[in-house]
């Protein structure tokens, strides 16, 4: 079920959304949803090439394994 949210933006940002939405033949609401999902998808996942580089970096992988062990032991600090 769709949810309604209230978003407070200044006039310049609104005009930018309106122009971008119009160029894509979308409503402003649909454009914001589309742009947000696109951003989250692009920022949340790595490309195949990036993953290949990560998996080839043995020092990084060892560091991640070590960090995972520390987290399981409760040895971590959340920084805001």
PDB file of N, CA and C in Angstrom:
ATOM      1  N   UNK A   1       0.840  -1.175   0.000  1.00  0.00           N
ATOM      2  CA  UNK A   1       0.000   0.000   0.000  1.00  0.00           C
ATOM      3  C   UNK A   1       0.886   1.240   0.000  1.00  0.00           C
ATOM      4  N   UNK A   2       0.662   2.158  -0.914  1.00  0.00           N
ATOM      5  CA  UNK A   2       1.483   3.374  -0.978  1.00  0.00           C
ATOM      6  C   UNK A   2       1.363   4.202   0.299  1.00  0.00           C
ATOM      7  N   UNK A   3       2.440   4.846   0.666  1.00  0.00           N
ATOM      8  CA  UNK A   3       2.479   5.723   1.838  1.00  0.00           C
ATOM      9  C   UNK A   3       2.670   7.156   1.375  1.00  0.00           C
ATOM     10  N   UNK A   4       2.141   8.076   2.130  1.00  0.00           N
ATOM     11  CA  UNK A   4       2.295   9.498   1.850  1.00  0.00           C
ATOM     12  C   UNK A   4       3.302  10.073   2.824  1.00  0.00           C
ATOM     13  N   UNK A   5       4.245  10.860   2.301  1.00  0.00           N
ATOM     14  CA  UNK A   5       5.202  11.547   3.161  1.00  0.00           C
ATOM     15  C   UNK A   5       5.161  13.034   2.840  1.00  0.00           C
ATOM     16  N   UNK A   6       5.587  13.832   3.788  1.00  0.00           N
ATOM     17  CA  UNK A   6       5.693  15.268   3.573  1.00  0.00           C
ATOM     18  C   UNK A   6       7.167  15.596   3.451  1.00  0.00           C
ATOM     19  N   UNK A   7       7.495  16.363   2.438  1.00  0.00           N
ATOM     20  CA  UNK A   7       8.881  16.718   2.184  1.00  0.00           C
ATOM     21  C   UNK A   7       8.971  18.233   2.064  1.00  0.00           C
ATOM     22  N   UNK A   8       9.779  18.843   2.907  1.00  0.00           N
ATOM     23  CA  UNK A   8       9.925  20.297   2.877  1.00  0.00           C
ATOM     24  C   UNK A   8      11.219  20.629   2.139  1.00  0.00           C
ATOM     25  N   UNK A   9      11.091  21.344   1.018  1.00  0.00           N
ATOM     26  CA  UNK A   9      12.249  21.729   0.215  1.00  0.00           C
ATOM     27  C   UNK A   9      12.119  23.204  -0.154  1.00  0.00           C
ATOM     28  N   UNK A  10      13.248  23.819  -0.472  1.00  0.00           N
ATOM     29  CA  UNK A  10      13.164  25.232  -0.840  1.00  0.00           C
ATOM     30  C   UNK A  10      12.729  25.363  -2.310  1.00  0.00           C
ATOM     31  N   UNK A  11      12.419  26.564  -2.703  1.00  0.00           N
ATOM     32  CA  UNK A  11      11.862  26.839  -4.035  1.00  0.00           C
ATOM     33  C   UNK A  11      12.798  26.411  -5.160  1.00  0.00           C
ATOM     34  N   UNK A  12      14.100  26.641  -5.000  1.00  0.00           N
ATOM     35  CA  UNK A  12      15.058  26.263  -6.044  1.00  0.00           C
ATOM     36  C   UNK A  12      15.090  24.759  -6.266  1.00  0.00           C
ATOM     37  N   UNK A  13      15.062  24.003  -5.187  1.00  0.00           N
ATOM     38  CA  UNK A  13      15.057  22.535  -5.301  1.00  0.00           C
ATOM     39  C   UNK A  13      13.755  22.072  -5.943  1.00  0.00           C
ATOM     40  N   UNK A  14      12.655  22.687  -5.552  1.00  0.00           N
ATOM     41  CA  UNK A  14      11.363  22.332  -6.151  1.00  0.00           C
ATOM     42  C   UNK A  14      11.387  22.560  -7.663  1.00  0.00           C
ATOM     43  N   UNK A  15      11.906  23.704  -8.080  1.00  0.00           N
ATOM     44  CA  UNK A  15      11.975  23.983  -9.526  1.00  0.00           C
ATOM     45  C   UNK A  15      12.845  22.952 -10.242  1.00  0.00           C
ATOM     46  N   UNK A  16      13.946  22.581  -9.610  1.00  0.00           N
ATOM     47  CA  UNK A  16      14.822  21.570 -10.197  1.00  0.00           C
ATOM     48  C   UNK A  16      14.097  20.233 -10.334  1.00  0.00           C
ATOM     49  N   UNK A  17      13.374  19.812  -9.293  1.00  0.00           N
ATOM     50  CA  UNK A  17      12.579  18.583  -9.371  1.00  0.00           C
ATOM     51  C   UNK A  17      11.536  18.686 -10.484  1.00  0.00           C
ATOM     52  N   UNK A  18      10.875  19.826 -10.554  1.00  0.00           N
ATOM     53  CA  UNK A  18       9.815  20.014 -11.542  1.00  0.00           C
ATOM     54  C   UNK A  18      10.375  19.907 -12.967  1.00  0.00           C
ATOM     55  N   UNK A  19      11.509  20.543 -13.218  1.00  0.00           N
ATOM     56  CA  UNK A  19      12.135  20.480 -14.547  1.00  0.00           C
ATOM     57  C   UNK A  19      12.560  19.053 -14.877  1.00  0.00           C
ATOM     58  N   UNK A  20      13.211  18.401 -13.918  1.00  0.00           N
ATOM     59  CA  UNK A  20      13.684  17.030 -14.144  1.00  0.00           C
ATOM     60  C   UNK A  20      12.521  16.068 -14.364  1.00  0.00           C
ATOM     61  N   UNK A  21      11.473  16.218 -13.576  1.00  0.00           N
ATOM     62  CA  UNK A  21      10.298  15.345 -13.718  1.00  0.00           C
ATOM     63  C   UNK A  21       9.641  15.559 -15.074  1.00  0.00           C
ATOM     64  N   UNK A  22       9.507  16.808 -15.472  1.00  0.00           N
ATOM     65  CA  UNK A  22       8.900  17.132 -16.759  1.00  0.00           C
ATOM     66  C   UNK A  22       9.719  16.543 -17.912  1.00  0.00           C
ATOM     67  N   UNK A  23      11.033  16.637 -17.821  1.00  0.00           N
ATOM     68  CA  UNK A  23      11.903  16.108 -18.868  1.00  0.00           C
ATOM     69  C   UNK A  23      11.760  14.597 -19.014  1.00  0.00           C
ATOM     70  N   UNK A  24      11.425  13.927 -17.919  1.00  0.00           N
ATOM     71  CA  UNK A  24      11.255  12.471 -17.942  1.00  0.00           C
ATOM     72  C   UNK A  24       9.787  12.067 -18.082  1.00  0.00           C
ATOM     73  N   UNK A  25       8.921  13.057 -18.268  1.00  0.00           N
ATOM     74  CA  UNK A  25       7.474  12.824 -18.381  1.00  0.00           C
ATOM     75  C   UNK A  25       6.938  12.037 -17.173  1.00  0.00           C
ATOM     76  N   UNK A  26       7.338  12.526 -15.992  1.00  0.00           N
ATOM     77  CA  UNK A  26       6.913  11.928 -14.727  1.00  0.00           C
ATOM     78  C   UNK A  26       6.287  13.010 -13.855  1.00  0.00           C
ATOM     79  N   UNK A  27       5.500  12.570 -12.883  1.00  0.00           N
ATOM     80  CA  UNK A  27       5.048  13.517 -11.863  1.00  0.00           C
ATOM     81  C   UNK A  27       6.246  13.794 -10.955  1.00  0.00           C
ATOM     82  N   UNK A  28       6.167  14.874 -10.206  1.00  0.00           N
ATOM     83  CA  UNK A  28       7.254  15.193  -9.282  1.00  0.00           C
ATOM     84  C   UNK A  28       7.404  14.070  -8.257  1.00  0.00           C
ATOM     85  N   UNK A  29       6.306  13.591  -7.735  1.00  0.00           N
ATOM     86  CA  UNK A  29       6.344  12.509  -6.755  1.00  0.00           C
ATOM     87  C   UNK A  29       7.012  11.270  -7.341  1.00  0.00           C
ATOM     88  N   UNK A  30       6.626  10.898  -8.548  1.00  0.00           N
ATOM     89  CA  UNK A  30       7.203   9.723  -9.184  1.00  0.00           C
ATOM     90  C   UNK A  30       8.686   9.933  -9.476  1.00  0.00           C
ATOM     91  N   UNK A  31       9.055  11.148  -9.890  1.00  0.00           N
ATOM     92  CA  UNK A  31      10.466  11.416 -10.158  1.00  0.00           C
ATOM     93  C   UNK A  31      11.294  11.294  -8.883  1.00  0.00           C
ATOM     94  N   UNK A  32      10.803  11.834  -7.772  1.00  0.00           N
ATOM     95  CA  UNK A  32      11.537  11.744  -6.510  1.00  0.00           C
ATOM     96  C   UNK A  32      11.707  10.283  -6.103  1.00  0.00           C
ATOM     97  N   UNK A  33      10.645   9.491  -6.261  1.00  0.00           N
ATOM     98  CA  UNK A  33      10.736   8.062  -5.941  1.00  0.00           C
ATOM     99  C   UNK A  33      11.754   7.375  -6.853  1.00  0.00           C
ATOM    100  N   UNK A  34      11.663   7.634  -8.153  1.00  0.00           N
ATOM    101  CA  UNK A  34      12.569   7.044  -9.126  1.00  0.00           C
ATOM    102  C   UNK A  34      14.023   7.439  -8.836  1.00  0.00           C
ATOM    103  N   UNK A  35      14.269   8.725  -8.634  1.00  0.00           N
ATOM    104  CA  UNK A  35      15.625   9.214  -8.402  1.00  0.00           C
ATOM    105  C   UNK A  35      16.202   8.649  -7.101  1.00  0.00           C
ATOM    106  N   UNK A  36      15.373   8.565  -6.076  1.00  0.00           N
ATOM    107  CA  UNK A  36      15.829   8.021  -4.798  1.00  0.00           C
ATOM    108  C   UNK A  36      16.181   6.547  -4.925  1.00  0.00           C
ATOM    109  N   UNK A  37      15.314   5.774  -5.572  1.00  0.00           N
ATOM    110  CA  UNK A  37      15.601   4.350  -5.760  1.00  0.00           C
ATOM    111  C   UNK A  37      16.844   4.148  -6.608  1.00  0.00           C
ATOM    112  N   UNK A  38      17.000   4.956  -7.639  1.00  0.00           N
ATOM    113  CA  UNK A  38      18.175   4.874  -8.490  1.00  0.00           C
ATOM    114  C   UNK A  38      19.447   5.172  -7.686  1.00  0.00           C
ATOM    115  N   UNK A  39      19.400   6.200  -6.859  1.00  0.00           N
ATOM    116  CA  UNK A  39      20.548   6.557  -6.026  1.00  0.00           C
ATOM    117  C   UNK A  39      20.884   5.429  -5.055  1.00  0.00           C
ATOM    118  N   UNK A  40      19.873   4.918  -4.377  1.00  0.00           N
ATOM    119  CA  UNK A  40      20.118   3.853  -3.405  1.00  0.00           C
ATOM    120  C   UNK A  40      20.673   2.601  -4.063  1.00  0.00           C
ATOM    121  N   UNK A  41      20.189   2.280  -5.230  1.00  0.00           N
ATOM    122  CA  UNK A  41      20.673   1.105  -5.945  1.00  0.00           C
ATOM    123  C   UNK A  41      22.124   1.286  -6.354  1.00  0.00           C
ATOM    124  N   UNK A  42      22.448   2.447  -6.880  1.00  0.00           N
ATOM    125  CA  UNK A  42      23.808   2.704  -7.339  1.00  0.00           C
ATOM    126  C   UNK A  42      24.789   2.810  -6.181  1.00  0.00           C
ATOM    127  N   UNK A  43      24.367   3.379  -5.063  1.00  0.00           N
ATOM    128  CA  UNK A  43      25.259   3.593  -3.935  1.00  0.00           C
ATOM    129  C   UNK A  43      25.380   2.378  -3.025  1.00  0.00           C
ATOM    130  N   UNK A  44      24.409   1.477  -3.067  1.00  0.00           N
ATOM    131  CA  UNK A  44      24.379   0.358  -2.144  1.00  0.00           C
ATOM    132  C   UNK A  44      25.073  -0.887  -2.676  1.00  0.00           C
ATOM    133  N   UNK A  45      25.323  -0.936  -3.943  1.00  0.00           N
ATOM    134  CA  UNK A  45      25.882  -2.129  -4.550  1.00  0.00           C
ATOM    135  C   UNK A  45      27.157  -1.787  -5.310  1.00  0.00           C
ATOM    136  N   UNK A  46      28.042  -2.749  -5.377  1.00  0.00           N
ATOM    137  CA  UNK A  46      29.265  -2.552  -6.140  1.00  0.00           C
ATOM    138  C   UNK A  46      29.131  -3.246  -7.483  1.00  0.00           C
ATOM    139  N   UNK A  47      29.832  -2.717  -8.459  1.00  0.00           N
ATOM    140  CA  UNK A  47      29.816  -3.331  -9.783  1.00  0.00           C
ATOM    141  C   UNK A  47      30.634  -4.625  -9.751  1.00  0.00           C
ATOM    142  N   UNK A  48      30.516  -5.416 -10.791  1.00  0.00           N
ATOM    143  CA  UNK A  48      31.292  -6.649 -10.884  1.00  0.00           C
ATOM    144  C   UNK A  48      32.786  -6.348 -10.867  1.00  0.00           C
ATOM    145  N   UNK A  49      33.184  -5.272 -11.529  1.00  0.00           N
ATOM    146  CA  UNK A  49      34.606  -4.898 -11.561  1.00  0.00           C
ATOM    147  C   UNK A  49      35.095  -4.509 -10.166  1.00  0.00           C
ATOM    148  N   UNK A  50      34.271  -3.744  -9.432  1.00  0.00           N
ATOM    149  CA  UNK A  50      34.653  -3.358  -8.075  1.00  0.00           C
ATOM    150  C   UNK A  50      34.757  -4.581  -7.165  1.00  0.00           C
ATOM    151  N   UNK A  51      33.805  -5.513  -7.309  1.00  0.00           N
ATOM    152  CA  UNK A  51      33.828  -6.718  -6.479  1.00  0.00           C
ATOM    153  C   UNK A  51      35.059  -7.555  -6.780  1.00  0.00           C
ATOM    154  N   UNK A  52      35.440  -7.616  -8.036  1.00  0.00           N
ATOM    155  CA  UNK A  52      36.645  -8.353  -8.422  1.00  0.00           C
ATOM    156  C   UNK A  52      37.870  -7.742  -7.739  1.00  0.00           C
ATOM    157  N   UNK A  53      37.952  -6.411  -7.738  1.00  0.00           N
ATOM    158  CA  UNK A  53      39.058  -5.722  -7.066  1.00  0.00           C
ATOM    159  C   UNK A  53      39.057  -5.989  -5.561  1.00  0.00           C
ATOM    160  N   UNK A  54      37.887  -5.964  -4.958  1.00  0.00           N
ATOM    161  CA  UNK A  54      37.779  -6.217  -3.517  1.00  0.00           C
ATOM    162  C   UNK A  54      38.250  -7.625  -3.192  1.00  0.00           C
ATOM    163  N   UNK A  55      37.769  -8.608  -3.954  1.00  0.00           N
ATOM    164  CA  UNK A  55      38.125  -9.999  -3.690  1.00  0.00           C
ATOM    165  C   UNK A  55      39.600 -10.287  -3.968  1.00  0.00           C
ATOM    166  N   UNK A  56      40.224  -9.478  -4.780  1.00  0.00           N
ATOM    167  CA  UNK A  56      41.650  -9.655  -5.082  1.00  0.00           C
ATOM    168  C   UNK A  56      42.547  -9.001  -4.031  1.00  0.00           C
ATOM    169  N   UNK A  57      41.980  -8.159  -3.183  1.00  0.00           N
ATOM    170  CA  UNK A  57      42.754  -7.443  -2.167  1.00  0.00           C
ATOM    171  C   UNK A  57      42.790  -8.276  -0.880  1.00  0.00           C
ATOM    172  N   UNK A  58      43.799  -9.122  -0.765  1.00  0.00           N
ATOM    173  CA  UNK A  58      43.874 -10.055   0.361  1.00  0.00           C
ATOM    174  C   UNK A  58      44.061  -9.344   1.704  1.00  0.00           C
ATOM    175  N   UNK A  59      44.755  -8.214   1.697  1.00  0.00           N
ATOM    176  CA  UNK A  59      44.934  -7.443   2.931  1.00  0.00           C
ATOM    177  C   UNK A  59      43.584  -6.904   3.414  1.00  0.00           C
ATOM    178  N   UNK A  60      42.782  -6.397   2.487  1.00  0.00           N
ATOM    179  CA  UNK A  60      41.449  -5.900   2.838  1.00  0.00           C
ATOM    180  C   UNK A  60      40.569  -7.026   3.360  1.00  0.00           C
ATOM    181  N   UNK A  61      40.589  -8.170   2.689  1.00  0.00           N
ATOM    182  CA  UNK A  61      39.757  -9.305   3.123  1.00  0.00           C
ATOM    183  C   UNK A  61      40.144  -9.773   4.520  1.00  0.00           C
ATOM    184  N   UNK A  62      41.436  -9.814   4.802  1.00  0.00           N
ATOM    185  CA  UNK A  62      41.894 -10.210   6.138  1.00  0.00           C
ATOM    186  C   UNK A  62      41.427  -9.199   7.184  1.00  0.00           C
ATOM    187  N   UNK A  63      41.501  -7.924   6.834  1.00  0.00           N
ATOM    188  CA  UNK A  63      41.045  -6.879   7.753  1.00  0.00           C
ATOM    189  C   UNK A  63      39.547  -7.009   8.027  1.00  0.00           C
ATOM    190  N   UNK A  64      38.766  -7.292   7.002  1.00  0.00           N
ATOM    191  CA  UNK A  64      37.316  -7.465   7.175  1.00  0.00           C
ATOM    192  C   UNK A  64      37.001  -8.686   8.047  1.00  0.00           C
ATOM    193  N   UNK A  65      37.743  -9.779   7.848  1.00  0.00           N
ATOM    194  CA  UNK A  65      37.545 -10.978   8.675  1.00  0.00           C
ATOM    195  C   UNK A  65      37.873 -10.689  10.130  1.00  0.00           C
ATOM    196  N   UNK A  66      38.961  -9.957  10.345  1.00  0.00           N
ATOM    197  CA  UNK A  66      39.365  -9.589  11.696  1.00  0.00           C
ATOM    198  C   UNK A  66      38.306  -8.702  12.348  1.00  0.00           C
ATOM    199  N   UNK A  67      37.806  -7.741  11.591  1.00  0.00           N
ATOM    200  CA  UNK A  67      36.764  -6.850  12.117  1.00  0.00           C
ATOM    201  C   UNK A  67      35.504  -7.630  12.475  1.00  0.00           C
ATOM    202  N   UNK A  68      35.148  -8.590  11.647  1.00  0.00           N
ATOM    203  CA  UNK A  68      33.955  -9.402  11.915  1.00  0.00           C
ATOM    204  C   UNK A  68      34.106 -10.168  13.238  1.00  0.00           C
ATOM    205  N   UNK A  69      35.303 -10.692  13.488  1.00  0.00           N
ATOM    206  CA  UNK A  69      35.559 -11.402  14.754  1.00  0.00           C
ATOM    207  C   UNK A  69      35.436 -10.449  15.935  1.00  0.00           C
ATOM    208  N   UNK A  70      35.979  -9.240  15.787  1.00  0.00           N
ATOM    209  CA  UNK A  70      35.903  -8.246  16.858  1.00  0.00           C
ATOM    210  C   UNK A  70      34.452  -7.874  17.158  1.00  0.00           C
ATOM    211  N   UNK A  71      33.664  -7.726  16.114  1.00  0.00           N
ATOM    212  CA  UNK A  71      32.253  -7.376  16.295  1.00  0.00           C
ATOM    213  C   UNK A  71      31.527  -8.482  17.045  1.00  0.00           C
ATOM    214  N   UNK A  72      31.801  -9.744  16.694  1.00  0.00           N
ATOM    215  CA  UNK A  72      31.159 -10.872  17.377  1.00  0.00           C
ATOM    216  C   UNK A  72      31.525 -10.892  18.858  1.00  0.00           C
ATOM    217  N   UNK A  73      32.727 -10.418  19.187  1.00  0.00           N
ATOM    218  CA  UNK A  73      33.162 -10.363  20.581  1.00  0.00           C
ATOM    219  C   UNK A  73      32.611  -9.125  21.290  1.00  0.00           C
ATOM    220  N   UNK A  74      31.923  -8.257  20.558  1.00  0.00           N
ATOM    221  CA  UNK A  74      31.369  -7.040  21.150  1.00  0.00           C
ATOM    222  C   UNK A  74      32.366  -5.909  21.258  1.00  0.00           C
ATOM    223  N   UNK A  75      33.476  -6.050  20.546  1.00  0.00           N
ATOM    224  CA  UNK A  75      34.525  -5.021  20.591  1.00  0.00           C
ATOM    225  C   UNK A  75      34.358  -4.062  19.417  1.00  0.00           C
ATOM    226  N   UNK A  76      33.448  -3.146  19.577  1.00  0.00           N
ATOM    227  CA  UNK A  76      33.230  -2.128  18.557  1.00  0.00           C
ATOM    228  C   UNK A  76      32.611  -0.897  19.182  1.00  0.00           C
ATOM    229  N   UNK A  77      32.694   0.210  18.468  1.00  0.00           N
ATOM    230  CA  UNK A  77      32.107   1.449  18.941  1.00  0.00           C
ATOM    231  C   UNK A  77      31.346   2.080  17.787  1.00  0.00           C
ATOM    232  N   UNK A  78      30.129   2.488  18.013  1.00  0.00           N
ATOM    233  CA  UNK A  78      29.328   3.161  17.001  1.00  0.00           C
ATOM    234  C   UNK A  78      29.663   4.651  17.046  1.00  0.00           C
ATOM    235  N   UNK A  79      30.072   5.176  15.909  1.00  0.00           N
ATOM    236  CA  UNK A  79      30.432   6.582  15.820  1.00  0.00           C
ATOM    237  C   UNK A  79      29.357   7.300  15.017  1.00  0.00           C
ATOM    238  N   UNK A  80      28.786   8.334  15.581  1.00  0.00           N
ATOM    239  CA  UNK A  80      27.722   9.069  14.897  1.00  0.00           C
ATOM    240  C   UNK A  80      28.246  10.259  14.186  1.00  0.00           C
TER     241      UNK A  80
END
